[in-house]
Amino acid sequence: MGKENHQLLKLKVDVSRETGGLLFLVDTGADVSLIKGSRLIGTTEFNPDAKVNVKCVDGSSMETHGTIDANFEVGSELIAHRFQLVNKQVDIPYDGILGRDFLQRTKARICYETGTVILLGERYTMVGKVKPSEKKVMTVRQIKLPLGQKVSLESPWPRERLR
């Protein structure tokens, strides 16, 4: 399993309808943490006045639905954190994203070599496989170029993942 597969963390959240916990992408490049509304208990309240625009990986921008307060189980403690609420505007096969705000608050130490994250002194093992039914299908398009043209293409994926 390569390093790119060790980036997901499963945590128990009090506002989730999933008793086994939610699967979050650990993203040190994200300023804020996001949680999908579809994974929450139906009566969960949120603050629609706290909407923000966030910049996506592809450079586009999107507006969140507002904020939601959630409590995480970290060891034997409950840690409160405010998430930005998203739904269909975020197309990721995870339940949310743990951004720098959460990682700093929990004093996270991430070791990609061992695939572990330490949150407030508690060690967690990152998981890396998304269920096949949750994987997004990628469409490849063809581009026709005139003969003799030199073209340089860049891929957003690491070279070893393309093989």
C-alpha atoms as a PDB file:
ATOM      1  CA  MET A   1       0.000   0.000   0.000  1.00  0.00           C
ATOM      2  CA  GLY A   2       1.549   3.315  -1.069  1.00  0.00           C
ATOM      3  CA  LYS A   3       1.636   6.514   0.972  1.00  0.00           C
ATOM      4  CA  GLU A   4      -1.247   7.994  -1.017  1.00  0.00           C
ATOM      5  CA  ASN A   5      -3.501   5.266   0.393  1.00  0.00           C
ATOM      6  CA  HIS A   6      -2.862   6.266   4.034  1.00  0.00           C
ATOM      7  CA  GLN A   7      -4.878   9.433   4.335  1.00  0.00           C
ATOM      8  CA  LEU A   8      -8.250   8.506   5.844  1.00  0.00           C
ATOM      9  CA  LEU A   9      -9.186   8.538   9.503  1.00  0.00           C
ATOM     10  CA  LYS A  10     -12.278   6.960  11.091  1.00  0.00           C
ATOM     11  CA  LEU A  11     -13.643   8.874  14.094  1.00  0.00           C
ATOM     12  CA  LYS A  12     -16.834   8.638  16.150  1.00  0.00           C
ATOM     13  CA  VAL A  13     -18.965  11.789  16.012  1.00  0.00           C
ATOM     14  CA  ASP A  14     -22.030  12.510  18.160  1.00  0.00           C
ATOM     15  CA  VAL A  15     -24.088  14.017  15.305  1.00  0.00           C
ATOM     16  CA  SER A  16     -23.606  11.021  13.010  1.00  0.00           C
ATOM     17  CA  ARG A  17     -26.146   8.316  12.353  1.00  0.00           C
ATOM     18  CA  GLU A  18     -23.225   5.923  11.770  1.00  0.00           C
ATOM     19  CA  THR A  19     -22.400   4.308  15.122  1.00  0.00           C
ATOM     20  CA  GLY A  20     -19.085   2.928  13.875  1.00  0.00           C
ATOM     21  CA  GLY A  21     -17.779   6.405  13.074  1.00  0.00           C
ATOM     22  CA  LEU A  22     -17.287   8.520   9.987  1.00  0.00           C
ATOM     23  CA  LEU A  23     -14.481   8.334   7.443  1.00  0.00           C
ATOM     24  CA  PHE A  24     -12.579  11.617   7.020  1.00  0.00           C
ATOM     25  CA  LEU A  25      -9.904  12.631   4.550  1.00  0.00           C
ATOM     26  CA  VAL A  26      -6.900  14.048   6.425  1.00  0.00           C
ATOM     27  CA  ASP A  27      -6.068  17.190   4.427  1.00  0.00           C
ATOM     28  CA  THR A  28      -3.296  19.413   5.782  1.00  0.00           C
ATOM     29  CA  GLY A  29      -3.872  21.767   2.831  1.00  0.00           C
ATOM     30  CA  ALA A  30      -7.503  22.528   3.758  1.00  0.00           C
ATOM     31  CA  ASP A  31      -8.030  25.581   5.977  1.00  0.00           C
ATOM     32  CA  VAL A  32     -11.385  24.393   7.332  1.00  0.00           C
ATOM     33  CA  SER A  33     -12.938  21.033   8.071  1.00  0.00           C
ATOM     34  CA  LEU A  34     -16.032  19.880   6.199  1.00  0.00           C
ATOM     35  CA  ILE A  35     -18.734  17.342   7.046  1.00  0.00           C
ATOM     36  CA  LYS A  36     -21.433  16.010   4.716  1.00  0.00           C
ATOM     37  CA  GLY A  37     -25.002  16.649   5.794  1.00  0.00           C
ATOM     38  CA  SER A  38     -26.135  13.312   4.350  1.00  0.00           C
ATOM     39  CA  ARG A  39     -24.178  11.481   7.084  1.00  0.00           C
ATOM     40  CA  LEU A  40     -25.784  13.330  10.005  1.00  0.00           C
ATOM     41  CA  ILE A  41     -28.758  12.590  12.229  1.00  0.00           C
ATOM     42  CA  GLY A  42     -31.846  14.122  10.594  1.00  0.00           C
ATOM     43  CA  THR A  43     -32.596  16.595  13.396  1.00  0.00           C
ATOM     44  CA  THR A  44     -29.083  18.040  13.635  1.00  0.00           C
ATOM     45  CA  GLU A  45     -29.145  21.842  13.826  1.00  0.00           C
ATOM     46  CA  PHE A  46     -26.751  24.060  11.908  1.00  0.00           C
ATOM     47  CA  ASN A  47     -26.051  27.784  11.599  1.00  0.00           C
ATOM     48  CA  PRO A  48     -26.887  28.948   8.054  1.00  0.00           C
ATOM     49  CA  ASP A  49     -25.555  32.462   8.810  1.00  0.00           C
ATOM     50  CA  ALA A  50     -21.972  31.131   9.007  1.00  0.00           C
ATOM     51  CA  LYS A  51     -21.613  30.178   5.343  1.00  0.00           C
ATOM     52  CA  VAL A  52     -18.160  30.572   3.809  1.00  0.00           C
ATOM     53  CA  ASN A  53     -16.661  30.250   0.361  1.00  0.00           C
ATOM     54  CA  VAL A  54     -13.969  27.604   0.170  1.00  0.00           C
ATOM     55  CA  LYS A  55     -11.508  27.034  -2.636  1.00  0.00           C
ATOM     56  CA  CYS A  56     -11.544  23.507  -4.041  1.00  0.00           C
ATOM     57  CA  VAL A  57      -8.552  21.468  -5.177  1.00  0.00           C
ATOM     58  CA  ASP A  58      -9.419  22.145  -8.827  1.00  0.00           C
ATOM     59  CA  GLY A  59      -9.303  25.914  -8.206  1.00  0.00           C
ATOM     60  CA  SER A  60     -13.064  26.455  -8.237  1.00  0.00           C
ATOM     61  CA  SER A  61     -14.879  27.946  -5.280  1.00  0.00           C
ATOM     62  CA  MET A  62     -18.031  26.800  -3.503  1.00  0.00           C
ATOM     63  CA  GLU A  63     -20.239  28.047  -0.698  1.00  0.00           C
ATOM     64  CA  THR A  64     -20.962  25.880   2.338  1.00  0.00           C
ATOM     65  CA  HIS A  65     -24.415  25.614   3.977  1.00  0.00           C
ATOM     66  CA  GLY A  66     -23.155  27.023   7.292  1.00  0.00           C
ATOM     67  CA  THR A  67     -21.597  25.523  10.415  1.00  0.00           C
ATOM     68  CA  ILE A  68     -22.402  22.586  12.643  1.00  0.00           C
ATOM     69  CA  ASP A  69     -20.996  21.820  16.076  1.00  0.00           C
ATOM     70  CA  ALA A  70     -19.944  18.213  16.613  1.00  0.00           C
ATOM     71  CA  ASN A  71     -18.269  16.266  19.405  1.00  0.00           C
ATOM     72  CA  PHE A  72     -15.590  13.707  18.567  1.00  0.00           C
ATOM     73  CA  GLU A  73     -14.456  10.805  20.680  1.00  0.00           C
ATOM     74  CA  VAL A  74     -10.696  11.122  21.090  1.00  0.00           C
ATOM     75  CA  GLY A  75      -9.617   8.458  23.534  1.00  0.00           C
ATOM     76  CA  SER A  76     -11.926   8.831  26.535  1.00  0.00           C
ATOM     77  CA  GLU A  77     -12.623  12.524  25.880  1.00  0.00           C
ATOM     78  CA  LEU A  78     -15.224  14.333  23.791  1.00  0.00           C
ATOM     79  CA  ILE A  79     -13.682  17.127  21.721  1.00  0.00           C
ATOM     80  CA  ALA A  80     -15.982  19.844  20.362  1.00  0.00           C
ATOM     81  CA  HIS A  81     -15.298  21.187  16.880  1.00  0.00           C
ATOM     82  CA  ARG A  82     -17.168  23.433  14.445  1.00  0.00           C
ATOM     83  CA  PHE A  83     -17.415  22.086  10.892  1.00  0.00           C
ATOM     84  CA  GLN A  84     -18.550  23.686   7.675  1.00  0.00           C
ATOM     85  CA  LEU A  85     -21.616  21.813   6.427  1.00  0.00           C
ATOM     86  CA  VAL A  86     -21.660  20.625   2.821  1.00  0.00           C
ATOM     87  CA  ASN A  87     -23.804  18.261   0.813  1.00  0.00           C
ATOM     88  CA  LYS A  88     -24.004  17.727  -2.908  1.00  0.00           C
ATOM     89  CA  GLN A  89     -21.606  20.570  -3.746  1.00  0.00           C
ATOM     90  CA  VAL A  90     -18.676  18.401  -2.551  1.00  0.00           C
ATOM     91  CA  ASP A  91     -18.112  15.278  -4.614  1.00  0.00           C
ATOM     92  CA  ILE A  92     -15.828  13.151  -2.443  1.00  0.00           C
ATOM     93  CA  PRO A  93     -16.340   9.503  -1.464  1.00  0.00           C
ATOM     94  CA  TYR A  94     -15.754  10.270   2.234  1.00  0.00           C
ATOM     95  CA  ASP A  95     -17.927  11.627   5.032  1.00  0.00           C
ATOM     96  CA  GLY A  96     -15.868  14.785   5.393  1.00  0.00           C
ATOM     97  CA  ILE A  97     -12.473  16.441   5.472  1.00  0.00           C
ATOM     98  CA  LEU A  98     -10.312  17.101   8.521  1.00  0.00           C
ATOM     99  CA  GLY A  99      -8.575  20.383   7.753  1.00  0.00           C
ATOM    100  CA  ARG A 100      -5.875  22.370   9.523  1.00  0.00           C
ATOM    101  CA  ASP A 101      -8.381  23.881  11.966  1.00  0.00           C
ATOM    102  CA  PHE A 102      -9.183  20.416  13.397  1.00  0.00           C
ATOM    103  CA  LEU A 103      -5.615  19.127  13.135  1.00  0.00           C
ATOM    104  CA  GLN A 104      -4.229  22.142  15.031  1.00  0.00           C
ATOM    105  CA  ARG A 105      -6.959  22.007  17.669  1.00  0.00           C
ATOM    106  CA  THR A 106      -6.197  18.332  18.401  1.00  0.00           C
ATOM    107  CA  LYS A 107      -2.419  18.906  18.197  1.00  0.00           C
ATOM    108  CA  ALA A 108      -2.280  16.295  15.443  1.00  0.00           C
ATOM    109  CA  ARG A 109       1.003  14.627  14.583  1.00  0.00           C
ATOM    110  CA  ILE A 110       0.829  12.776  11.279  1.00  0.00           C
ATOM    111  CA  CYS A 111       3.288  10.096  10.188  1.00  0.00           C
ATOM    112  CA  TYR A 112       2.629   9.032   6.607  1.00  0.00           C
ATOM    113  CA  GLU A 113       5.425   6.451   6.772  1.00  0.00           C
ATOM    114  CA  THR A 114       3.678   4.452   9.506  1.00  0.00           C
ATOM    115  CA  GLY A 115       0.166   5.563   8.541  1.00  0.00           C
ATOM    116  CA  THR A 116      -0.651   6.939  11.979  1.00  0.00           C
ATOM    117  CA  VAL A 117      -2.120  10.127  13.427  1.00  0.00           C
ATOM    118  CA  ILE A 118      -1.784  11.182  17.059  1.00  0.00           C
ATOM    119  CA  LEU A 119      -4.669  13.366  18.276  1.00  0.00           C
ATOM    120  CA  LEU A 120      -4.294  14.782  21.800  1.00  0.00           C
ATOM    121  CA  GLY A 121      -1.891  11.948  22.639  1.00  0.00           C
ATOM    122  CA  GLU A 122      -4.142   9.156  21.260  1.00  0.00           C
ATOM    123  CA  ARG A 123      -2.732   7.116  18.370  1.00  0.00           C
ATOM    124  CA  TYR A 124      -4.972   6.262  15.399  1.00  0.00           C
ATOM    125  CA  THR A 125      -4.147   4.199  12.348  1.00  0.00           C
ATOM    126  CA  MET A 126      -5.136   5.749   9.054  1.00  0.00           C
ATOM    127  CA  VAL A 127      -7.021   3.603   6.591  1.00  0.00           C
ATOM    128  CA  GLY A 128      -6.616   3.895   2.890  1.00  0.00           C
ATOM    129  CA  LYS A 129      -9.182   1.953   0.963  1.00  0.00           C
ATOM    130  CA  VAL A 130     -12.517   3.367  -0.030  1.00  0.00           C
ATOM    131  CA  LYS A 131     -15.198   0.772  -0.714  1.00  0.00           C
ATOM    132  CA  PRO A 132     -15.402   0.067  -4.472  1.00  0.00           C
ATOM    133  CA  SER A 133     -19.042   1.193  -4.494  1.00  0.00           C
ATOM    134  CA  GLU A 134     -17.945   4.602  -3.152  1.00  0.00           C
ATOM    135  CA  LYS A 135     -15.188   5.219  -5.684  1.00  0.00           C
ATOM    136  CA  LYS A 136     -15.822   7.918  -8.219  1.00  0.00           C
ATOM    137  CA  VAL A 137     -15.659   6.854 -11.844  1.00  0.00           C
ATOM    138  CA  MET A 138     -13.352   9.021 -13.922  1.00  0.00           C
ATOM    139  CA  THR A 139     -14.094   9.863 -17.543  1.00  0.00           C
ATOM    140  CA  VAL A 140     -11.173  10.125 -19.933  1.00  0.00           C
ATOM    141  CA  ARG A 141     -11.620  12.343 -22.979  1.00  0.00           C
ATOM    142  CA  GLN A 142      -9.579  12.253 -26.156  1.00  0.00           C
ATOM    143  CA  ILE A 143      -7.948  15.290 -27.699  1.00  0.00           C
ATOM    144  CA  LYS A 144      -6.990  15.265 -31.388  1.00  0.00           C
ATOM    145  CA  LEU A 145      -3.885  17.278 -32.238  1.00  0.00           C
ATOM    146  CA  PRO A 146      -2.386  18.058 -35.644  1.00  0.00           C
ATOM    147  CA  LEU A 147       0.622  15.897 -36.557  1.00  0.00           C
ATOM    148  CA  GLY A 148       3.989  17.287 -35.540  1.00  0.00           C
ATOM    149  CA  GLN A 149       2.685  19.178 -32.493  1.00  0.00           C
ATOM    150  CA  LYS A 150       4.622  18.754 -29.244  1.00  0.00           C
ATOM    151  CA  VAL A 151       2.433  18.629 -26.166  1.00  0.00           C
ATOM    152  CA  SER A 152       3.295  18.490 -22.483  1.00  0.00           C
ATOM    153  CA  LEU A 153       0.652  17.134 -20.133  1.00  0.00           C
ATOM    154  CA  GLU A 154       0.598  17.265 -16.357  1.00  0.00           C
ATOM    155  CA  SER A 155      -1.329  14.793 -14.247  1.00  0.00           C
ATOM    156  CA  PRO A 156      -2.730  15.577 -10.781  1.00  0.00           C
ATOM    157  CA  TRP A 157      -1.895  12.004  -9.731  1.00  0.00           C
ATOM    158  CA  PRO A 158       1.481  10.591  -8.697  1.00  0.00           C
ATOM    159  CA  ARG A 159       3.232   8.708 -11.492  1.00  0.00           C
ATOM    160  CA  GLU A 160       3.053   5.323  -9.704  1.00  0.00           C
ATOM    161  CA  ARG A 161      -0.750   5.627  -9.424  1.00  0.00           C
ATOM    162  CA  LEU A 162      -1.148   5.911 -13.206  1.00  0.00           C
ATOM    163  CA  ARG A 163       0.326   2.481 -13.959  1.00  0.00           C
END
